[in-house]
Amino acid sequence: MFDTVFAHSIVKRAVEAGLVRIEAVDLRPFTLDKHNRVDDTPFGGGPGMVMKAEPLFRAAEFLTGQAENKPRILLTSAQGKPFDQDTADRLAQEKHLVIFCGHYKGVDQRFIDQWVEEEISVGDYVLSGGEIPAMMIVDAVVRLQPGAISDIDSAMTDSFRNGLLEGPVYTRPEEFRGLKVPEILISGHHAKIAEWRRQQALEITRVRRPDLLEKQDDKEI
């Protein structure tokens, strides 16, 4: 799963350029039983399976023991803090991240208590496993590394960068099937264009994500 996704686009180029190194690690070699089981039934009864502490502890010990820099250990979890741009910015400053992918009904709490520094959720829904959320986190962090994107200003004007959604964008031709680009964008008046874009961003945020506006005060907006 990981090799396929990371073999494309910005992440691929960042790896090939030596800007980042990404390694997918299988938990099964860290088990001790002959069946290489990473899960078992929950104490106290109930449905579902729980990821065992043993392979998780052993994997964490192995990975941190090999690391040149102390890694920050994350866990993808439906119980985690929602992943957002501020979190991506912060994690992009770390030298080494280790992301454990939650699975099944959950992860033995002892591993979380002893090793996990952050639990991260990518939304208020449940997926089959934490692999896709981990890929999302990696993509969001890698694109912020210096040199990963040829024009870093592009990333600095993305949605959420200033607490707002990005407004509409257009490119050539100026007219397509009778549909014209807003005149302001071809006026050459940069200050007016900037103000138009800001107003468009405010309006689209107000309509689609009013919760984002509630997080800011009037001065910030």
N, C-alpha and C. Protein backbone atom coordinates (compact mmCIF):
# COMPACT_ATOMS: atom_id res chain seq x y z
N MET A 1 0.82 -1.21 0.00
CA MET A 1 0.00 0.00 0.00
C MET A 1 0.86 1.26 0.00
N PHE A 2 1.82 1.31 0.88
CA PHE A 2 2.64 2.51 1.03
C PHE A 2 3.55 2.71 -0.18
N ASP A 3 4.16 1.64 -0.65
CA ASP A 3 5.08 1.75 -1.77
C ASP A 3 4.38 2.31 -2.99
N THR A 4 3.14 1.88 -3.21
CA THR A 4 2.39 2.35 -4.38
C THR A 4 2.10 3.83 -4.29
N VAL A 5 1.59 4.27 -3.14
CA VAL A 5 1.20 5.68 -2.97
C VAL A 5 2.41 6.60 -2.99
N PHE A 6 3.48 6.19 -2.34
CA PHE A 6 4.65 7.06 -2.24
C PHE A 6 5.53 7.04 -3.48
N ALA A 7 5.13 6.28 -4.50
CA ALA A 7 5.89 6.21 -5.74
C ALA A 7 5.39 7.21 -6.77
N HIS A 8 4.67 8.23 -6.29
CA HIS A 8 4.09 9.20 -7.21
C HIS A 8 4.26 10.63 -6.69
N SER A 9 4.26 11.57 -7.62
CA SER A 9 4.09 12.99 -7.36
C SER A 9 5.15 13.57 -6.41
N ILE A 10 4.71 14.48 -5.56
CA ILE A 10 5.63 15.25 -4.72
C ILE A 10 6.41 14.35 -3.76
N VAL A 11 5.75 13.37 -3.17
CA VAL A 11 6.45 12.50 -2.23
C VAL A 11 7.56 11.73 -2.94
N LYS A 12 7.26 11.21 -4.12
CA LYS A 12 8.28 10.48 -4.88
C LYS A 12 9.48 11.37 -5.17
N ARG A 13 9.22 12.59 -5.63
CA ARG A 13 10.32 13.50 -5.98
C ARG A 13 11.13 13.87 -4.74
N ALA A 14 10.46 14.05 -3.62
CA ALA A 14 11.17 14.39 -2.39
C ALA A 14 12.08 13.26 -1.94
N VAL A 15 11.61 12.03 -2.08
CA VAL A 15 12.43 10.86 -1.72
C VAL A 15 13.62 10.75 -2.67
N GLU A 16 13.36 10.88 -3.97
CA GLU A 16 14.44 10.75 -4.96
C GLU A 16 15.49 11.84 -4.80
N ALA A 17 15.06 13.01 -4.34
CA ALA A 17 16.00 14.12 -4.14
C ALA A 17 16.74 14.01 -2.81
N GLY A 18 16.40 13.02 -2.01
CA GLY A 18 17.06 12.87 -0.72
C GLY A 18 16.59 13.82 0.35
N LEU A 19 15.43 14.45 0.12
CA LEU A 19 14.90 15.39 1.11
C LEU A 19 14.29 14.67 2.30
N VAL A 20 13.74 13.50 2.06
CA VAL A 20 13.15 12.69 3.12
C VAL A 20 13.47 11.22 2.86
N ARG A 21 13.36 10.43 3.91
CA ARG A 21 13.47 8.98 3.77
C ARG A 21 12.25 8.36 4.43
N ILE A 22 11.56 7.49 3.71
CA ILE A 22 10.34 6.88 4.21
C ILE A 22 10.52 5.37 4.21
N GLU A 23 10.16 4.74 5.31
CA GLU A 23 10.27 3.28 5.43
C GLU A 23 8.99 2.73 6.04
N ALA A 24 8.39 1.77 5.37
CA ALA A 24 7.22 1.08 5.91
C ALA A 24 7.70 -0.17 6.65
N VAL A 25 7.27 -0.33 7.88
CA VAL A 25 7.75 -1.42 8.74
C VAL A 25 6.58 -2.33 9.10
N ASP A 26 6.75 -3.62 8.84
CA ASP A 26 5.72 -4.62 9.16
C ASP A 26 5.84 -5.01 10.63
N LEU A 27 4.72 -5.05 11.34
CA LEU A 27 4.74 -5.40 12.76
C LEU A 27 4.91 -6.90 13.00
N ARG A 28 4.55 -7.72 12.05
CA ARG A 28 4.55 -9.18 12.31
C ARG A 28 5.91 -9.75 12.70
N PRO A 29 7.02 -9.28 12.15
CA PRO A 29 8.32 -9.81 12.59
C PRO A 29 8.62 -9.53 14.07
N PHE A 30 7.86 -8.63 14.69
CA PHE A 30 8.10 -8.30 16.09
C PHE A 30 7.24 -9.13 17.04
N THR A 31 6.50 -10.09 16.50
CA THR A 31 5.72 -11.00 17.35
C THR A 31 6.59 -12.18 17.75
N LEU A 32 6.15 -12.90 18.76
CA LEU A 32 6.93 -14.04 19.26
C LEU A 32 6.23 -15.38 19.04
N ASP A 33 4.92 -15.36 18.77
CA ASP A 33 4.21 -16.63 18.59
C ASP A 33 4.38 -17.12 17.15
N LYS A 34 4.16 -18.40 16.94
CA LYS A 34 4.43 -19.01 15.63
C LYS A 34 3.48 -18.51 14.54
N HIS A 35 2.34 -17.98 14.93
CA HIS A 35 1.37 -17.49 13.94
C HIS A 35 1.55 -16.00 13.63
N ASN A 36 2.51 -15.36 14.30
CA ASN A 36 2.79 -13.92 14.09
C ASN A 36 1.54 -13.07 14.26
N ARG A 37 0.80 -13.34 15.33
CA ARG A 37 -0.43 -12.59 15.57
C ARG A 37 -0.15 -11.24 16.21
N VAL A 38 -0.75 -10.22 15.66
CA VAL A 38 -0.58 -8.88 16.21
C VAL A 38 -1.82 -8.43 16.98
N ASP A 39 -2.85 -9.28 17.05
CA ASP A 39 -4.09 -8.89 17.72
C ASP A 39 -4.63 -10.04 18.55
N ASP A 40 -5.53 -9.71 19.49
CA ASP A 40 -6.16 -10.72 20.34
C ASP A 40 -7.48 -10.14 20.83
N THR A 41 -8.28 -10.99 21.48
CA THR A 41 -9.58 -10.55 21.97
C THR A 41 -9.42 -9.61 23.16
N PRO A 42 -10.35 -8.68 23.36
CA PRO A 42 -10.22 -7.70 24.45
C PRO A 42 -10.51 -8.30 25.82
N PHE A 43 -9.73 -7.92 26.82
CA PHE A 43 -10.07 -8.27 28.20
C PHE A 43 -11.40 -7.62 28.56
N GLY A 44 -12.19 -8.32 29.34
CA GLY A 44 -13.49 -7.80 29.73
C GLY A 44 -14.59 -8.17 28.76
N GLY A 45 -14.21 -8.84 27.65
CA GLY A 45 -15.20 -9.26 26.68
C GLY A 45 -15.59 -8.17 25.71
N GLY A 46 -16.48 -8.49 24.83
CA GLY A 46 -16.94 -7.52 23.84
C GLY A 46 -16.45 -7.89 22.45
N PRO A 47 -17.03 -7.24 21.44
CA PRO A 47 -16.69 -7.55 20.05
C PRO A 47 -15.36 -6.95 19.63
N GLY A 48 -14.85 -7.46 18.50
CA GLY A 48 -13.65 -6.88 17.91
C GLY A 48 -12.36 -7.46 18.46
N MET A 49 -11.26 -7.03 17.87
CA MET A 49 -9.93 -7.46 18.27
C MET A 49 -9.09 -6.24 18.63
N VAL A 50 -8.07 -6.47 19.45
CA VAL A 50 -7.22 -5.38 19.93
C VAL A 50 -5.78 -5.67 19.54
N MET A 51 -5.07 -4.66 19.07
CA MET A 51 -3.65 -4.83 18.74
C MET A 51 -2.86 -5.07 20.03
N LYS A 52 -2.02 -6.08 20.01
CA LYS A 52 -1.30 -6.50 21.20
C LYS A 52 -0.14 -5.55 21.54
N ALA A 53 0.11 -5.42 22.82
CA ALA A 53 1.18 -4.55 23.27
C ALA A 53 2.56 -5.09 22.88
N GLU A 54 2.72 -6.39 22.93
CA GLU A 54 4.03 -7.00 22.73
C GLU A 54 4.71 -6.60 21.41
N PRO A 55 4.11 -6.82 20.25
CA PRO A 55 4.79 -6.43 19.01
C PRO A 55 4.94 -4.91 18.87
N LEU A 56 4.01 -4.16 19.43
CA LEU A 56 4.10 -2.70 19.36
C LEU A 56 5.28 -2.20 20.19
N PHE A 57 5.43 -2.71 21.41
CA PHE A 57 6.57 -2.33 22.24
C PHE A 57 7.88 -2.69 21.56
N ARG A 58 7.95 -3.92 21.05
CA ARG A 58 9.19 -4.40 20.44
C ARG A 58 9.54 -3.57 19.19
N ALA A 59 8.53 -3.22 18.42
CA ALA A 59 8.77 -2.41 17.23
C ALA A 59 9.24 -1.01 17.62
N ALA A 60 8.61 -0.42 18.63
CA ALA A 60 9.00 0.91 19.08
C ALA A 60 10.44 0.90 19.61
N GLU A 61 10.77 -0.12 20.36
CA GLU A 61 12.14 -0.23 20.89
C GLU A 61 13.15 -0.36 19.77
N PHE A 62 12.82 -1.15 18.77
CA PHE A 62 13.72 -1.34 17.63
C PHE A 62 13.89 -0.05 16.84
N LEU A 63 12.80 0.62 16.54
CA LEU A 63 12.85 1.83 15.72
C LEU A 63 13.56 2.99 16.43
N THR A 64 13.28 3.16 17.71
CA THR A 64 13.95 4.24 18.44
C THR A 64 15.41 3.92 18.68
N GLY A 65 15.73 2.64 18.81
CA GLY A 65 17.11 2.24 19.01
C GLY A 65 17.97 2.49 17.79
N GLN A 66 17.35 2.45 16.61
CA GLN A 66 18.08 2.68 15.37
C GLN A 66 18.19 4.16 15.01
N ALA A 67 17.37 4.99 15.61
CA ALA A 67 17.22 6.38 15.17
C ALA A 67 18.42 7.24 15.57
N GLU A 68 18.85 8.10 14.66
CA GLU A 68 19.89 9.07 14.96
C GLU A 68 19.33 10.19 15.84
N ASN A 69 18.10 10.58 15.56
CA ASN A 69 17.41 11.59 16.35
C ASN A 69 16.21 10.96 17.03
N LYS A 70 15.92 11.36 18.26
CA LYS A 70 14.78 10.81 18.96
C LYS A 70 13.50 11.06 18.16
N PRO A 71 12.83 10.02 17.71
CA PRO A 71 11.64 10.24 16.90
C PRO A 71 10.43 10.65 17.73
N ARG A 72 9.52 11.36 17.09
CA ARG A 72 8.22 11.65 17.70
C ARG A 72 7.29 10.54 17.25
N ILE A 73 6.67 9.87 18.23
CA ILE A 73 5.85 8.70 17.92
C ILE A 73 4.37 9.08 17.90
N LEU A 74 3.74 8.79 16.76
CA LEU A 74 2.34 9.09 16.54
C LEU A 74 1.55 7.80 16.39
N LEU A 75 0.25 7.90 16.63
CA LEU A 75 -0.66 6.78 16.41
C LEU A 75 -1.89 7.30 15.69
N THR A 76 -2.24 6.69 14.57
CA THR A 76 -3.49 7.05 13.90
C THR A 76 -4.63 6.38 14.67
N SER A 77 -5.61 7.20 15.05
CA SER A 77 -6.66 6.70 15.93
C SER A 77 -7.91 7.54 15.79
N ALA A 78 -9.06 6.89 15.80
CA ALA A 78 -10.33 7.62 15.76
C ALA A 78 -10.52 8.46 17.01
N GLN A 79 -9.79 8.14 18.08
CA GLN A 79 -9.88 8.90 19.33
C GLN A 79 -8.88 10.06 19.38
N GLY A 80 -8.12 10.24 18.29
CA GLY A 80 -7.07 11.23 18.30
C GLY A 80 -7.54 12.65 18.04
N LYS A 81 -6.61 13.58 18.19
CA LYS A 81 -6.87 14.98 17.88
C LYS A 81 -6.98 15.13 16.36
N PRO A 82 -7.96 15.91 15.88
CA PRO A 82 -8.13 16.08 14.43
C PRO A 82 -6.87 16.65 13.78
N PHE A 83 -6.48 16.04 12.68
CA PHE A 83 -5.32 16.49 11.92
C PHE A 83 -5.68 17.74 11.14
N ASP A 84 -4.85 18.78 11.23
CA ASP A 84 -5.12 20.02 10.50
C ASP A 84 -3.80 20.59 10.00
N GLN A 85 -3.89 21.74 9.32
CA GLN A 85 -2.69 22.33 8.72
C GLN A 85 -1.68 22.75 9.77
N ASP A 86 -2.16 23.25 10.90
CA ASP A 86 -1.23 23.64 11.97
C ASP A 86 -0.44 22.43 12.45
N THR A 87 -1.10 21.28 12.55
CA THR A 87 -0.41 20.07 12.98
C THR A 87 0.61 19.64 11.93
N ALA A 88 0.24 19.72 10.66
CA ALA A 88 1.17 19.38 9.58
C ALA A 88 2.39 20.29 9.63
N ASP A 89 2.17 21.59 9.84
CA ASP A 89 3.28 22.54 9.93
C ASP A 89 4.22 22.18 11.07
N ARG A 90 3.63 21.83 12.20
CA ARG A 90 4.44 21.50 13.38
C ARG A 90 5.23 20.21 13.16
N LEU A 91 4.57 19.20 12.63
CA LEU A 91 5.24 17.92 12.41
C LEU A 91 6.32 18.03 11.34
N ALA A 92 6.14 18.96 10.41
CA ALA A 92 7.13 19.14 9.35
C ALA A 92 8.47 19.63 9.90
N GLN A 93 8.47 20.14 11.13
CA GLN A 93 9.71 20.62 11.76
C GLN A 93 10.47 19.50 12.47
N GLU A 94 9.83 18.35 12.62
CA GLU A 94 10.47 17.22 13.31
C GLU A 94 11.53 16.56 12.42
N LYS A 95 12.59 16.08 13.03
CA LYS A 95 13.64 15.39 12.30
C LYS A 95 13.23 13.96 11.94
N HIS A 96 12.43 13.34 12.81
CA HIS A 96 12.09 11.92 12.62
C HIS A 96 10.71 11.65 13.20
N LEU A 97 9.84 11.11 12.38
CA LEU A 97 8.50 10.72 12.83
C LEU A 97 8.34 9.21 12.69
N VAL A 98 7.70 8.61 13.66
CA VAL A 98 7.29 7.21 13.58
C VAL A 98 5.77 7.19 13.74
N ILE A 99 5.08 6.67 12.74
CA ILE A 99 3.63 6.63 12.76
C ILE A 99 3.16 5.19 12.88
N PHE A 100 2.56 4.85 14.00
CA PHE A 100 1.95 3.53 14.16
C PHE A 100 0.52 3.60 13.65
N CYS A 101 0.15 2.64 12.84
CA CYS A 101 -1.18 2.62 12.24
C CYS A 101 -2.14 1.83 13.11
N GLY A 102 -3.12 2.52 13.68
CA GLY A 102 -4.13 1.83 14.47
C GLY A 102 -4.92 0.86 13.60
N HIS A 103 -5.46 -0.16 14.23
CA HIS A 103 -6.21 -1.17 13.48
C HIS A 103 -7.17 -1.89 14.41
N TYR A 104 -8.07 -2.64 13.80
CA TYR A 104 -9.03 -3.44 14.56
C TYR A 104 -9.86 -2.55 15.50
N LYS A 105 -10.19 -3.08 16.67
CA LYS A 105 -11.01 -2.31 17.62
C LYS A 105 -10.21 -1.22 18.30
N GLY A 106 -8.92 -1.38 18.29
CA GLY A 106 -8.07 -0.39 18.94
C GLY A 106 -6.71 -0.97 19.28
N VAL A 107 -5.94 -0.22 20.06
CA VAL A 107 -4.58 -0.58 20.43
C VAL A 107 -4.49 -0.71 21.95
N ASP A 108 -3.79 -1.73 22.41
CA ASP A 108 -3.61 -1.93 23.85
C ASP A 108 -3.15 -0.61 24.49
N GLN A 109 -3.89 -0.15 25.48
CA GLN A 109 -3.65 1.16 26.08
C GLN A 109 -2.26 1.28 26.68
N ARG A 110 -1.69 0.17 27.09
CA ARG A 110 -0.35 0.21 27.70
C ARG A 110 0.69 0.74 26.71
N PHE A 111 0.53 0.39 25.45
CA PHE A 111 1.45 0.92 24.44
C PHE A 111 1.26 2.42 24.28
N ILE A 112 0.02 2.86 24.26
CA ILE A 112 -0.27 4.28 24.13
C ILE A 112 0.31 5.05 25.31
N ASP A 113 0.09 4.53 26.49
CA ASP A 113 0.58 5.21 27.70
C ASP A 113 2.10 5.32 27.74
N GLN A 114 2.78 4.28 27.27
CA GLN A 114 4.23 4.23 27.39
C GLN A 114 4.97 4.87 26.22
N TRP A 115 4.37 4.85 25.02
CA TRP A 115 5.14 5.23 23.85
C TRP A 115 4.56 6.37 23.01
N VAL A 116 3.26 6.45 22.93
CA VAL A 116 2.64 7.37 21.97
C VAL A 116 2.62 8.80 22.50
N GLU A 117 3.14 9.72 21.71
CA GLU A 117 3.15 11.14 22.10
C GLU A 117 1.95 11.90 21.55
N GLU A 118 1.40 11.42 20.45
CA GLU A 118 0.21 12.05 19.87
C GLU A 118 -0.66 11.00 19.19
N GLU A 119 -1.96 11.05 19.46
CA GLU A 119 -2.92 10.28 18.68
C GLU A 119 -3.57 11.24 17.69
N ILE A 120 -3.61 10.85 16.43
CA ILE A 120 -4.11 11.73 15.39
C ILE A 120 -5.25 11.07 14.62
N SER A 121 -6.33 11.83 14.44
CA SER A 121 -7.47 11.40 13.64
C SER A 121 -7.55 12.26 12.39
N VAL A 122 -7.96 11.66 11.28
CA VAL A 122 -8.11 12.44 10.03
C VAL A 122 -9.57 12.79 9.76
N GLY A 123 -10.45 12.52 10.71
CA GLY A 123 -11.85 12.90 10.51
C GLY A 123 -12.78 12.11 11.40
N ASP A 124 -14.00 12.58 11.50
CA ASP A 124 -14.99 11.94 12.36
C ASP A 124 -15.68 10.80 11.64
N TYR A 125 -14.90 9.79 11.33
CA TYR A 125 -15.40 8.58 10.70
C TYR A 125 -14.39 7.48 10.97
N VAL A 126 -14.76 6.23 10.72
CA VAL A 126 -13.88 5.10 11.01
C VAL A 126 -13.49 4.41 9.71
N LEU A 127 -12.20 4.17 9.54
CA LEU A 127 -11.68 3.45 8.38
C LEU A 127 -11.28 2.04 8.79
N SER A 128 -10.98 1.22 7.80
CA SER A 128 -10.61 -0.17 8.09
C SER A 128 -9.28 -0.26 8.83
N GLY A 129 -8.44 0.73 8.64
CA GLY A 129 -7.15 0.73 9.32
C GLY A 129 -6.49 2.09 9.23
N GLY A 130 -5.37 2.23 9.91
CA GLY A 130 -4.71 3.53 9.97
C GLY A 130 -3.71 3.79 8.87
N GLU A 131 -3.64 2.88 7.89
CA GLU A 131 -2.65 3.07 6.82
C GLU A 131 -2.95 4.31 5.97
N ILE A 132 -4.19 4.46 5.54
CA ILE A 132 -4.53 5.61 4.71
C ILE A 132 -4.34 6.92 5.48
N PRO A 133 -4.80 7.03 6.74
CA PRO A 133 -4.48 8.24 7.50
C PRO A 133 -2.97 8.50 7.60
N ALA A 134 -2.18 7.46 7.78
CA ALA A 134 -0.73 7.65 7.85
C ALA A 134 -0.19 8.21 6.55
N MET A 135 -0.71 7.71 5.42
CA MET A 135 -0.29 8.23 4.12
C MET A 135 -0.65 9.70 3.99
N MET A 136 -1.83 10.06 4.47
CA MET A 136 -2.27 11.46 4.40
C MET A 136 -1.35 12.35 5.22
N ILE A 137 -0.99 11.89 6.41
CA ILE A 137 -0.09 12.67 7.26
C ILE A 137 1.27 12.85 6.60
N VAL A 138 1.81 11.76 6.06
CA VAL A 138 3.11 11.81 5.40
C VAL A 138 3.08 12.78 4.22
N ASP A 139 2.04 12.70 3.41
CA ASP A 139 1.93 13.58 2.25
C ASP A 139 1.88 15.05 2.68
N ALA A 140 1.06 15.34 3.68
CA ALA A 140 0.91 16.72 4.15
C ALA A 140 2.21 17.26 4.73
N VAL A 141 3.00 16.40 5.37
CA VAL A 141 4.26 16.82 5.99
C VAL A 141 5.38 16.93 4.96
N VAL A 142 5.46 15.96 4.07
CA VAL A 142 6.56 15.95 3.09
C VAL A 142 6.49 17.15 2.17
N ARG A 143 5.30 17.55 1.74
CA ARG A 143 5.19 18.67 0.79
C ARG A 143 5.65 19.99 1.39
N LEU A 144 5.80 20.03 2.73
CA LEU A 144 6.27 21.24 3.40
C LEU A 144 7.78 21.28 3.57
N GLN A 145 8.45 20.19 3.21
CA GLN A 145 9.91 20.17 3.35
C GLN A 145 10.55 21.08 2.31
N PRO A 146 11.56 21.84 2.70
CA PRO A 146 12.22 22.73 1.75
C PRO A 146 12.68 21.99 0.50
N GLY A 147 12.25 22.46 -0.66
CA GLY A 147 12.63 21.83 -1.92
C GLY A 147 11.64 20.81 -2.44
N ALA A 148 10.69 20.39 -1.62
CA ALA A 148 9.72 19.37 -2.07
C ALA A 148 8.80 19.94 -3.13
N ILE A 149 8.39 21.20 -2.95
CA ILE A 149 7.58 21.91 -3.94
C ILE A 149 8.44 22.99 -4.56
N SER A 150 8.45 23.05 -5.88
CA SER A 150 9.32 24.00 -6.56
C SER A 150 8.98 25.44 -6.21
N ASP A 151 7.69 25.72 -6.01
CA ASP A 151 7.26 27.07 -5.65
C ASP A 151 6.60 27.01 -4.28
N ILE A 152 7.35 27.28 -3.23
CA ILE A 152 6.82 27.16 -1.87
C ILE A 152 5.69 28.14 -1.62
N ASP A 153 5.66 29.24 -2.37
CA ASP A 153 4.57 30.20 -2.20
C ASP A 153 3.22 29.56 -2.50
N SER A 154 3.23 28.55 -3.36
CA SER A 154 1.99 27.84 -3.67
C SER A 154 1.42 27.18 -2.42
N ALA A 155 2.29 26.55 -1.63
CA ALA A 155 1.83 25.90 -0.39
C ALA A 155 1.41 26.94 0.64
N MET A 156 2.04 28.10 0.60
CA MET A 156 1.73 29.13 1.58
C MET A 156 0.40 29.82 1.33
N THR A 157 -0.20 29.56 0.16
CA THR A 157 -1.50 30.16 -0.15
C THR A 157 -2.60 29.11 -0.23
N ASP A 158 -2.32 27.91 0.24
CA ASP A 158 -3.33 26.85 0.24
C ASP A 158 -4.46 27.16 1.21
N SER A 159 -5.55 26.41 1.06
CA SER A 159 -6.62 26.48 2.05
C SER A 159 -6.06 26.19 3.44
N PHE A 160 -6.63 26.85 4.44
CA PHE A 160 -6.29 26.70 5.86
C PHE A 160 -5.01 27.41 6.26
N ARG A 161 -4.23 27.88 5.28
CA ARG A 161 -2.96 28.52 5.63
C ARG A 161 -3.18 29.76 6.48
N ASN A 162 -4.24 30.55 6.16
CA ASN A 162 -4.53 31.73 6.96
C ASN A 162 -5.84 31.59 7.72
N GLY A 163 -6.25 30.35 7.92
CA GLY A 163 -7.49 30.10 8.64
C GLY A 163 -8.72 30.13 7.77
N LEU A 164 -8.54 30.32 6.47
CA LEU A 164 -9.66 30.38 5.54
C LEU A 164 -9.50 29.34 4.45
N LEU A 165 -10.60 29.05 3.76
CA LEU A 165 -10.52 28.24 2.55
C LEU A 165 -9.99 29.10 1.42
N GLU A 166 -9.33 28.47 0.48
CA GLU A 166 -8.85 29.22 -0.68
C GLU A 166 -10.01 29.53 -1.61
N GLY A 167 -9.98 30.71 -2.20
CA GLY A 167 -11.04 31.11 -3.12
C GLY A 167 -10.86 30.48 -4.49
N PRO A 168 -11.72 30.82 -5.45
CA PRO A 168 -11.66 30.23 -6.79
C PRO A 168 -10.41 30.66 -7.53
N VAL A 169 -9.92 29.78 -8.40
CA VAL A 169 -8.75 30.08 -9.24
C VAL A 169 -9.10 29.79 -10.69
N TYR A 170 -8.39 30.47 -11.59
CA TYR A 170 -8.65 30.34 -13.03
C TYR A 170 -7.33 30.31 -13.78
N THR A 171 -7.36 29.76 -15.01
CA THR A 171 -6.19 29.80 -15.87
C THR A 171 -6.65 29.97 -17.32
N ARG A 172 -5.73 29.98 -18.26
CA ARG A 172 -6.04 30.19 -19.66
C ARG A 172 -6.91 29.06 -20.22
N PRO A 173 -7.78 29.36 -21.17
CA PRO A 173 -7.99 30.64 -21.86
C PRO A 173 -8.88 31.59 -21.04
N GLU A 174 -8.86 32.86 -21.41
CA GLU A 174 -9.67 33.84 -20.69
C GLU A 174 -11.16 33.58 -20.85
N GLU A 175 -11.55 33.00 -22.00
CA GLU A 175 -12.95 32.66 -22.24
C GLU A 175 -13.04 31.25 -22.77
N PHE A 176 -13.93 30.47 -22.18
CA PHE A 176 -14.11 29.08 -22.60
C PHE A 176 -15.60 28.78 -22.66
N ARG A 177 -16.09 28.49 -23.86
CA ARG A 177 -17.50 28.19 -24.08
C ARG A 177 -18.42 29.27 -23.49
N GLY A 178 -18.01 30.49 -23.69
CA GLY A 178 -18.81 31.62 -23.22
C GLY A 178 -18.62 31.97 -21.76
N LEU A 179 -17.80 31.20 -21.06
CA LEU A 179 -17.54 31.43 -19.64
C LEU A 179 -16.24 32.24 -19.50
N LYS A 180 -16.34 33.40 -18.89
CA LYS A 180 -15.20 34.31 -18.81
C LYS A 180 -14.57 34.34 -17.42
N VAL A 181 -13.28 34.59 -17.42
CA VAL A 181 -12.55 34.80 -16.17
C VAL A 181 -12.96 36.16 -15.60
N PRO A 182 -13.12 36.29 -14.28
CA PRO A 182 -13.45 37.60 -13.69
C PRO A 182 -12.48 38.67 -14.15
N GLU A 183 -13.01 39.80 -14.55
CA GLU A 183 -12.21 40.89 -15.10
C GLU A 183 -11.10 41.33 -14.17
N ILE A 184 -11.35 41.30 -12.88
CA ILE A 184 -10.36 41.79 -11.92
C ILE A 184 -9.05 41.02 -12.03
N LEU A 185 -9.13 39.71 -12.37
CA LEU A 185 -7.93 38.88 -12.41
C LEU A 185 -7.03 39.17 -13.60
N ILE A 186 -7.56 39.84 -14.60
CA ILE A 186 -6.73 40.19 -15.76
C ILE A 186 -6.51 41.69 -15.85
N SER A 187 -6.80 42.38 -14.74
CA SER A 187 -6.67 43.84 -14.71
C SER A 187 -5.23 44.30 -14.51
N GLY A 188 -4.42 43.44 -13.90
CA GLY A 188 -3.04 43.82 -13.59
C GLY A 188 -2.91 44.65 -12.34
N HIS A 189 -4.03 44.91 -11.64
CA HIS A 189 -4.01 45.72 -10.42
C HIS A 189 -3.85 44.76 -9.22
N HIS A 190 -2.62 44.59 -8.78
CA HIS A 190 -2.31 43.55 -7.80
C HIS A 190 -2.99 43.76 -6.45
N ALA A 191 -3.09 44.98 -6.00
CA ALA A 191 -3.73 45.24 -4.71
C ALA A 191 -5.21 44.89 -4.76
N LYS A 192 -5.86 45.28 -5.86
CA LYS A 192 -7.29 44.96 -6.00
C LYS A 192 -7.51 43.46 -6.16
N ILE A 193 -6.58 42.81 -6.87
CA ILE A 193 -6.67 41.34 -7.02
C ILE A 193 -6.55 40.66 -5.67
N ALA A 194 -5.59 41.11 -4.87
CA ALA A 194 -5.40 40.53 -3.53
C ALA A 194 -6.65 40.71 -2.67
N GLU A 195 -7.25 41.89 -2.73
CA GLU A 195 -8.46 42.14 -1.96
C GLU A 195 -9.62 41.29 -2.47
N TRP A 196 -9.74 41.14 -3.78
CA TRP A 196 -10.80 40.30 -4.35
C TRP A 196 -10.64 38.85 -3.87
N ARG A 197 -9.41 38.37 -3.92
CA ARG A 197 -9.15 37.00 -3.48
C ARG A 197 -9.48 36.82 -2.00
N ARG A 198 -9.16 37.82 -1.22
CA ARG A 198 -9.47 37.74 0.21
C ARG A 198 -10.97 37.71 0.44
N GLN A 199 -11.71 38.53 -0.26
CA GLN A 199 -13.15 38.56 -0.11
C GLN A 199 -13.78 37.25 -0.58
N GLN A 200 -13.24 36.71 -1.66
CA GLN A 200 -13.74 35.42 -2.14
C GLN A 200 -13.47 34.31 -1.12
N ALA A 201 -12.28 34.34 -0.52
CA ALA A 201 -11.93 33.34 0.49
C ALA A 201 -12.84 33.46 1.70
N LEU A 202 -13.11 34.67 2.13
CA LEU A 202 -14.01 34.89 3.26
C LEU A 202 -15.42 34.36 2.96
N GLU A 203 -15.90 34.63 1.75
CA GLU A 203 -17.26 34.23 1.40
C GLU A 203 -17.39 32.71 1.29
N ILE A 204 -16.42 32.07 0.64
CA ILE A 204 -16.51 30.62 0.49
C ILE A 204 -16.34 29.92 1.84
N THR A 205 -15.54 30.53 2.72
CA THR A 205 -15.39 29.97 4.07
C THR A 205 -16.67 30.16 4.87
N ARG A 206 -17.29 31.33 4.71
CA ARG A 206 -18.55 31.59 5.43
C ARG A 206 -19.63 30.60 5.03
N VAL A 207 -19.68 30.25 3.75
CA VAL A 207 -20.72 29.35 3.24
C VAL A 207 -20.42 27.89 3.59
N ARG A 208 -19.18 27.48 3.37
CA ARG A 208 -18.84 26.06 3.48
C ARG A 208 -18.29 25.64 4.84
N ARG A 209 -17.52 26.54 5.49
CA ARG A 209 -16.90 26.20 6.76
C ARG A 209 -17.00 27.36 7.74
N PRO A 210 -18.21 27.75 8.15
CA PRO A 210 -18.34 28.87 9.08
C PRO A 210 -17.62 28.62 10.40
N ASP A 211 -17.38 27.35 10.73
CA ASP A 211 -16.67 27.04 11.97
C ASP A 211 -15.26 27.61 11.97
N LEU A 212 -14.65 27.73 10.78
CA LEU A 212 -13.31 28.29 10.71
C LEU A 212 -13.30 29.77 11.07
N LEU A 213 -14.35 30.48 10.66
CA LEU A 213 -14.44 31.90 11.00
C LEU A 213 -14.66 32.10 12.49
N GLU A 214 -15.36 31.17 13.12
CA GLU A 214 -15.63 31.28 14.55
C GLU A 214 -14.36 31.16 15.38
N LYS A 215 -13.33 30.57 14.80
CA LYS A 215 -12.08 30.39 15.52
C LYS A 215 -11.19 31.62 15.48
N GLN A 216 -11.57 32.58 14.67
CA GLN A 216 -10.75 33.78 14.53
C GLN A 216 -11.49 35.01 15.05
N ASP A 217 -10.73 35.98 15.49
CA ASP A 217 -11.36 37.24 15.88
C ASP A 217 -11.35 38.19 14.69
N ASP A 218 -12.03 39.32 14.81
CA ASP A 218 -12.17 40.25 13.69
C ASP A 218 -10.83 40.77 13.20
N LYS A 219 -9.90 40.95 14.09
CA LYS A 219 -8.59 41.49 13.71
C LYS A 219 -7.88 40.52 12.79
N GLU A 220 -7.95 39.20 13.08
CA GLU A 220 -7.28 38.21 12.26
C GLU A 220 -7.93 38.09 10.90
N ILE A 221 -9.25 38.25 10.86
CA ILE A 221 -9.97 38.14 9.59
C ILE A 221 -9.76 39.41 8.76
